[in-house]
């Protein structure tokens, strides 16, 4: 799964930060409905995706 995400992940930091912030936004949306089972599932799934994307983002080089 991680190798698939690595291939789908971008190679520049600007687009990588956009992907991480979008996943974080979905996680926050799931937190709003934490009392519902679907809200919990969205929160857990998007939270894991956010963490993986953030770790991939940290691996990108800064270009000057």
PDB file of N, CA and C in Angstrom:
ATOM      1  N   UNK A   1       0.820  -1.198   0.000  1.00  0.00           N
ATOM      2  CA  UNK A   1       0.000   0.000   0.000  1.00  0.00           C
ATOM      3  C   UNK A   1       0.858   1.253   0.000  1.00  0.00           C
ATOM      4  N   UNK A   2       1.931   1.236   0.789  1.00  0.00           N
ATOM      5  CA  UNK A   2       2.789   2.406   0.863  1.00  0.00           C
ATOM      6  C   UNK A   2       3.505   2.653  -0.452  1.00  0.00           C
ATOM      7  N   UNK A   3       3.894   1.590  -1.142  1.00  0.00           N
ATOM      8  CA  UNK A   3       4.568   1.777  -2.427  1.00  0.00           C
ATOM      9  C   UNK A   3       3.618   2.388  -3.458  1.00  0.00           C
ATOM     10  N   UNK A   4       2.335   2.019  -3.392  1.00  0.00           N
ATOM     11  CA  UNK A   4       1.348   2.624  -4.289  1.00  0.00           C
ATOM     12  C   UNK A   4       1.193   4.109  -3.988  1.00  0.00           C
ATOM     13  N   UNK A   5       1.119   4.455  -2.709  1.00  0.00           N
ATOM     14  CA  UNK A   5       1.001   5.860  -2.340  1.00  0.00           C
ATOM     15  C   UNK A   5       2.252   6.636  -2.710  1.00  0.00           C
ATOM     16  N   UNK A   6       3.418   6.008  -2.595  1.00  0.00           N
ATOM     17  CA  UNK A   6       4.658   6.691  -2.962  1.00  0.00           C
ATOM     18  C   UNK A   6       4.672   7.013  -4.455  1.00  0.00           C
ATOM     19  N   UNK A   7       4.133   6.095  -5.280  1.00  0.00           N
ATOM     20  CA  UNK A   7       4.073   6.360  -6.716  1.00  0.00           C
ATOM     21  C   UNK A   7       3.052   7.449  -7.041  1.00  0.00           C
ATOM     22  N   UNK A   8       1.961   7.504  -6.270  1.00  0.00           N
ATOM     23  CA  UNK A   8       0.940   8.511  -6.511  1.00  0.00           C
ATOM     24  C   UNK A   8       1.294   9.869  -5.905  1.00  0.00           C
ATOM     25  N   UNK A   9       2.227   9.881  -4.954  1.00  0.00           N
ATOM     26  CA  UNK A   9       2.609  11.121  -4.287  1.00  0.00           C
ATOM     27  C   UNK A   9       3.458  11.963  -5.216  1.00  0.00           C
ATOM     28  N   UNK A  10       3.364  13.245  -5.081  1.00  0.00           N
ATOM     29  CA  UNK A  10       4.060  14.180  -5.951  1.00  0.00           C
ATOM     30  C   UNK A  10       5.551  14.238  -5.618  1.00  0.00           C
ATOM     31  N   UNK A  11       6.302  14.932  -6.443  1.00  0.00           N
ATOM     32  CA  UNK A  11       7.737  15.034  -6.198  1.00  0.00           C
ATOM     33  C   UNK A  11       8.165  16.442  -5.796  1.00  0.00           C
ATOM     34  N   UNK A  12       7.210  17.343  -5.539  1.00  0.00           N
ATOM     35  CA  UNK A  12       7.585  18.659  -5.041  1.00  0.00           C
ATOM     36  C   UNK A  12       6.826  18.975  -3.749  1.00  0.00           C
ATOM     37  N   UNK A  13       7.427  19.820  -2.945  1.00  0.00           N
ATOM     38  CA  UNK A  13       6.905  20.087  -1.607  1.00  0.00           C
ATOM     39  C   UNK A  13       5.601  20.881  -1.635  1.00  0.00           C
ATOM     40  N   UNK A  14       5.416  21.745  -2.592  1.00  0.00           N
ATOM     41  CA  UNK A  14       4.200  22.562  -2.641  1.00  0.00           C
ATOM     42  C   UNK A  14       2.970  21.684  -2.840  1.00  0.00           C
ATOM     43  N   UNK A  15       3.011  20.800  -3.817  1.00  0.00           N
ATOM     44  CA  UNK A  15       1.875  19.921  -4.055  1.00  0.00           C
ATOM     45  C   UNK A  15       1.725  18.884  -2.949  1.00  0.00           C
ATOM     46  N   UNK A  16       2.848  18.474  -2.360  1.00  0.00           N
ATOM     47  CA  UNK A  16       2.791  17.539  -1.246  1.00  0.00           C
ATOM     48  C   UNK A  16       2.089  18.136  -0.039  1.00  0.00           C
ATOM     49  N   UNK A  17       2.369  19.403   0.231  1.00  0.00           N
ATOM     50  CA  UNK A  17       1.701  20.046   1.367  1.00  0.00           C
ATOM     51  C   UNK A  17       0.215  20.221   1.104  1.00  0.00           C
ATOM     52  N   UNK A  18      -0.157  20.418  -0.126  1.00  0.00           N
ATOM     53  CA  UNK A  18      -1.585  20.499  -0.469  1.00  0.00           C
ATOM     54  C   UNK A  18      -2.288  19.167  -0.243  1.00  0.00           C
ATOM     55  N   UNK A  19      -1.626  18.078  -0.580  1.00  0.00           N
ATOM     56  CA  UNK A  19      -2.220  16.757  -0.370  1.00  0.00           C
ATOM     57  C   UNK A  19      -2.392  16.466   1.121  1.00  0.00           C
ATOM     58  N   UNK A  20      -1.381  16.815   1.909  1.00  0.00           N
ATOM     59  CA  UNK A  20      -1.451  16.590   3.353  1.00  0.00           C
ATOM     60  C   UNK A  20      -2.563  17.437   3.968  1.00  0.00           C
ATOM     61  N   UNK A  21      -2.667  18.690   3.557  1.00  0.00           N
ATOM     62  CA  UNK A  21      -3.698  19.553   4.142  1.00  0.00           C
ATOM     63  C   UNK A  21      -5.099  19.110   3.719  1.00  0.00           C
ATOM     64  N   UNK A  22      -5.257  18.576   2.529  1.00  0.00           N
ATOM     65  CA  UNK A  22      -6.566  18.071   2.109  1.00  0.00           C
ATOM     66  C   UNK A  22      -6.970  16.853   2.930  1.00  0.00           C
ATOM     67  N   UNK A  23      -6.023  15.958   3.167  1.00  0.00           N
ATOM     68  CA  UNK A  23      -6.318  14.781   3.987  1.00  0.00           C
ATOM     69  C   UNK A  23      -6.631  15.190   5.425  1.00  0.00           C
ATOM     70  N   UNK A  24      -5.945  16.208   5.920  1.00  0.00           N
ATOM     71  CA  UNK A  24      -6.212  16.703   7.267  1.00  0.00           C
ATOM     72  C   UNK A  24      -7.596  17.334   7.353  1.00  0.00           C
ATOM     73  N   UNK A  25      -8.033  17.976   6.296  1.00  0.00           N
ATOM     74  CA  UNK A  25      -9.368  18.565   6.261  1.00  0.00           C
ATOM     75  C   UNK A  25     -10.450  17.487   6.323  1.00  0.00           C
ATOM     76  N   UNK A  26     -10.255  16.383   5.614  1.00  0.00           N
ATOM     77  CA  UNK A  26     -11.211  15.276   5.660  1.00  0.00           C
ATOM     78  C   UNK A  26     -11.227  14.650   7.054  1.00  0.00           C
ATOM     79  N   UNK A  27     -10.054  14.541   7.669  1.00  0.00           N
ATOM     80  CA  UNK A  27      -9.985  14.015   9.034  1.00  0.00           C
ATOM     81  C   UNK A  27     -10.761  14.902   9.998  1.00  0.00           C
ATOM     82  N   UNK A  28     -10.614  16.196   9.858  1.00  0.00           N
ATOM     83  CA  UNK A  28     -11.336  17.142  10.713  1.00  0.00           C
ATOM     84  C   UNK A  28     -12.837  17.038  10.485  1.00  0.00           C
ATOM     85  N   UNK A  29     -13.246  16.855   9.250  1.00  0.00           N
ATOM     86  CA  UNK A  29     -14.665  16.663   8.956  1.00  0.00           C
ATOM     87  C   UNK A  29     -15.218  15.413   9.615  1.00  0.00           C
ATOM     88  N   UNK A  30     -14.431  14.365   9.652  1.00  0.00           N
ATOM     89  CA  UNK A  30     -14.850  13.144  10.336  1.00  0.00           C
ATOM     90  C   UNK A  30     -14.947  13.331  11.834  1.00  0.00           C
ATOM     91  N   UNK A  31     -14.068  14.176  12.382  1.00  0.00           N
ATOM     92  CA  UNK A  31     -14.115  14.449  13.820  1.00  0.00           C
ATOM     93  C   UNK A  31     -15.398  15.168  14.223  1.00  0.00           C
ATOM     94  N   UNK A  32     -15.973  15.923  13.310  1.00  0.00           N
ATOM     95  CA  UNK A  32     -17.219  16.624  13.617  1.00  0.00           C
ATOM     96  C   UNK A  32     -18.368  15.661  13.857  1.00  0.00           C
ATOM     97  N   UNK A  33     -18.300  14.479  13.241  1.00  0.00           N
ATOM     98  CA  UNK A  33     -19.355  13.472  13.378  1.00  0.00           C
ATOM     99  C   UNK A  33     -18.832  12.227  14.084  1.00  0.00           C
ATOM    100  N   UNK A  34     -18.043  12.446  15.120  1.00  0.00           N
ATOM    101  CA  UNK A  34     -17.431  11.338  15.836  1.00  0.00           C
ATOM    102  C   UNK A  34     -18.457  10.483  16.566  1.00  0.00           C
ATOM    103  N   UNK A  35     -19.639  11.017  16.805  1.00  0.00           N
ATOM    104  CA  UNK A  35     -20.664  10.249  17.508  1.00  0.00           C
ATOM    105  C   UNK A  35     -21.358   9.233  16.601  1.00  0.00           C
ATOM    106  N   UNK A  36     -21.135   9.315  15.297  1.00  0.00           N
ATOM    107  CA  UNK A  36     -21.730   8.395  14.332  1.00  0.00           C
ATOM    108  C   UNK A  36     -20.667   7.378  13.902  1.00  0.00           C
ATOM    109  N   UNK A  37     -21.059   6.112  13.681  1.00  0.00           N
ATOM    110  CA  UNK A  37     -20.059   5.106  13.262  1.00  0.00           C
ATOM    111  C   UNK A  37     -19.344   5.465  11.958  1.00  0.00           C
ATOM    112  N   UNK A  38     -20.053   6.055  11.013  1.00  0.00           N
ATOM    113  CA  UNK A  38     -19.402   6.453   9.761  1.00  0.00           C
ATOM    114  C   UNK A  38     -18.400   7.576  10.003  1.00  0.00           C
ATOM    115  N   UNK A  39     -18.707   8.475  10.922  1.00  0.00           N
ATOM    116  CA  UNK A  39     -17.763   9.537  11.269  1.00  0.00           C
ATOM    117  C   UNK A  39     -16.488   8.982  11.877  1.00  0.00           C
ATOM    118  N   UNK A  40     -16.640   7.948  12.706  1.00  0.00           N
ATOM    119  CA  UNK A  40     -15.459   7.307  13.288  1.00  0.00           C
ATOM    120  C   UNK A  40     -14.616   6.638  12.210  1.00  0.00           C
ATOM    121  N   UNK A  41     -15.280   5.967  11.269  1.00  0.00           N
ATOM    122  CA  UNK A  41     -14.552   5.285  10.193  1.00  0.00           C
ATOM    123  C   UNK A  41     -13.807   6.294   9.315  1.00  0.00           C
ATOM    124  N   UNK A  42     -14.463   7.399   8.991  1.00  0.00           N
ATOM    125  CA  UNK A  42     -13.812   8.433   8.178  1.00  0.00           C
ATOM    126  C   UNK A  42     -12.634   9.028   8.929  1.00  0.00           C
ATOM    127  N   UNK A  43     -12.805   9.270  10.224  1.00  0.00           N
ATOM    128  CA  UNK A  43     -11.729   9.853  11.022  1.00  0.00           C
ATOM    129  C   UNK A  43     -10.518   8.930  11.074  1.00  0.00           C
ATOM    130  N   UNK A  44     -10.747   7.660  11.321  1.00  0.00           N
ATOM    131  CA  UNK A  44      -9.628   6.717  11.410  1.00  0.00           C
ATOM    132  C   UNK A  44      -8.952   6.552  10.044  1.00  0.00           C
ATOM    133  N   UNK A  45      -9.739   6.350   8.998  1.00  0.00           N
ATOM    134  CA  UNK A  45      -9.162   6.151   7.668  1.00  0.00           C
ATOM    135  C   UNK A  45      -8.406   7.363   7.172  1.00  0.00           C
ATOM    136  N   UNK A  46      -9.013   8.528   7.291  1.00  0.00           N
ATOM    137  CA  UNK A  46      -8.355   9.746   6.823  1.00  0.00           C
ATOM    138  C   UNK A  46      -7.180  10.116   7.716  1.00  0.00           C
ATOM    139  N   UNK A  47      -7.266   9.784   9.006  1.00  0.00           N
ATOM    140  CA  UNK A  47      -6.146  10.062   9.904  1.00  0.00           C
ATOM    141  C   UNK A  47      -4.919   9.242   9.548  1.00  0.00           C
ATOM    142  N   UNK A  48      -5.138   7.984   9.233  1.00  0.00           N
ATOM    143  CA  UNK A  48      -4.021   7.123   8.820  1.00  0.00           C
ATOM    144  C   UNK A  48      -3.437   7.622   7.495  1.00  0.00           C
ATOM    145  N   UNK A  49      -4.302   7.991   6.570  1.00  0.00           N
ATOM    146  CA  UNK A  49      -3.835   8.520   5.289  1.00  0.00           C
ATOM    147  C   UNK A  49      -3.056   9.815   5.482  1.00  0.00           C
ATOM    148  N   UNK A  50      -3.520  10.679   6.376  1.00  0.00           N
ATOM    149  CA  UNK A  50      -2.814  11.921   6.660  1.00  0.00           C
ATOM    150  C   UNK A  50      -1.421  11.642   7.205  1.00  0.00           C
ATOM    151  N   UNK A  51      -1.324  10.697   8.110  1.00  0.00           N
ATOM    152  CA  UNK A  51      -0.022  10.348   8.684  1.00  0.00           C
ATOM    153  C   UNK A  51       0.923   9.807   7.623  1.00  0.00           C
ATOM    154  N   UNK A  52       0.432   8.942   6.767  1.00  0.00           N
ATOM    155  CA  UNK A  52       1.278   8.377   5.712  1.00  0.00           C
ATOM    156  C   UNK A  52       1.733   9.468   4.744  1.00  0.00           C
ATOM    157  N   UNK A  53       0.799  10.330   4.332  1.00  0.00           N
ATOM    158  CA  UNK A  53       1.165  11.411   3.414  1.00  0.00           C
ATOM    159  C   UNK A  53       2.154  12.372   4.056  1.00  0.00           C
ATOM    160  N   UNK A  54       1.988  12.628   5.347  1.00  0.00           N
ATOM    161  CA  UNK A  54       2.923  13.515   6.041  1.00  0.00           C
ATOM    162  C   UNK A  54       4.319  12.908   6.085  1.00  0.00           C
ATOM    163  N   UNK A  55       4.402  11.612   6.324  1.00  0.00           N
ATOM    164  CA  UNK A  55       5.711  10.961   6.332  1.00  0.00           C
ATOM    165  C   UNK A  55       6.351  10.981   4.947  1.00  0.00           C
ATOM    166  N   UNK A  56       5.545  10.808   3.909  1.00  0.00           N
ATOM    167  CA  UNK A  56       6.071  10.925   2.552  1.00  0.00           C
ATOM    168  C   UNK A  56       6.516  12.358   2.259  1.00  0.00           C
ATOM    169  N   UNK A  57       5.774  13.325   2.770  1.00  0.00           N
ATOM    170  CA  UNK A  57       6.106  14.730   2.591  1.00  0.00           C
ATOM    171  C   UNK A  57       7.452  15.062   3.239  1.00  0.00           C
ATOM    172  N   UNK A  58       7.710  14.497   4.415  1.00  0.00           N
ATOM    173  CA  UNK A  58       8.965  14.753   5.101  1.00  0.00           C
ATOM    174  C   UNK A  58      10.158  14.211   4.319  1.00  0.00           C
ATOM    175  N   UNK A  59       9.925  13.208   3.488  1.00  0.00           N
ATOM    176  CA  UNK A  59      10.994  12.625   2.697  1.00  0.00           C
ATOM    177  C   UNK A  59      11.368  13.426   1.455  1.00  0.00           C
ATOM    178  N   UNK A  60      10.569  14.425   1.128  1.00  0.00           N
ATOM    179  CA  UNK A  60      10.868  15.233  -0.057  1.00  0.00           C
ATOM    180  C   UNK A  60      11.991  16.216   0.235  1.00  0.00           C
ATOM    181  N   UNK A  61      12.803  16.480  -0.771  1.00  0.00           N
ATOM    182  CA  UNK A  61      13.893  17.437  -0.628  1.00  0.00           C
ATOM    183  C   UNK A  61      13.398  18.853  -0.838  1.00  0.00           C
ATOM    184  N   UNK A  62      14.029  19.786  -0.146  1.00  0.00           N
ATOM    185  CA  UNK A  62      13.742  21.194  -0.385  1.00  0.00           C
ATOM    186  C   UNK A  62      14.546  21.648  -1.596  1.00  0.00           C
ATOM    187  N   UNK A  63      13.856  22.257  -2.543  1.00  0.00           N
ATOM    188  CA  UNK A  63      14.549  22.787  -3.723  1.00  0.00           C
ATOM    189  C   UNK A  63      14.651  24.295  -3.572  1.00  0.00           C
ATOM    190  N   UNK A  64      15.831  24.805  -3.798  1.00  0.00           N
ATOM    191  CA  UNK A  64      16.031  26.258  -3.669  1.00  0.00           C
ATOM    192  C   UNK A  64      16.286  26.878  -4.993  1.00  0.00           C
TER     193      UNK A  64
END
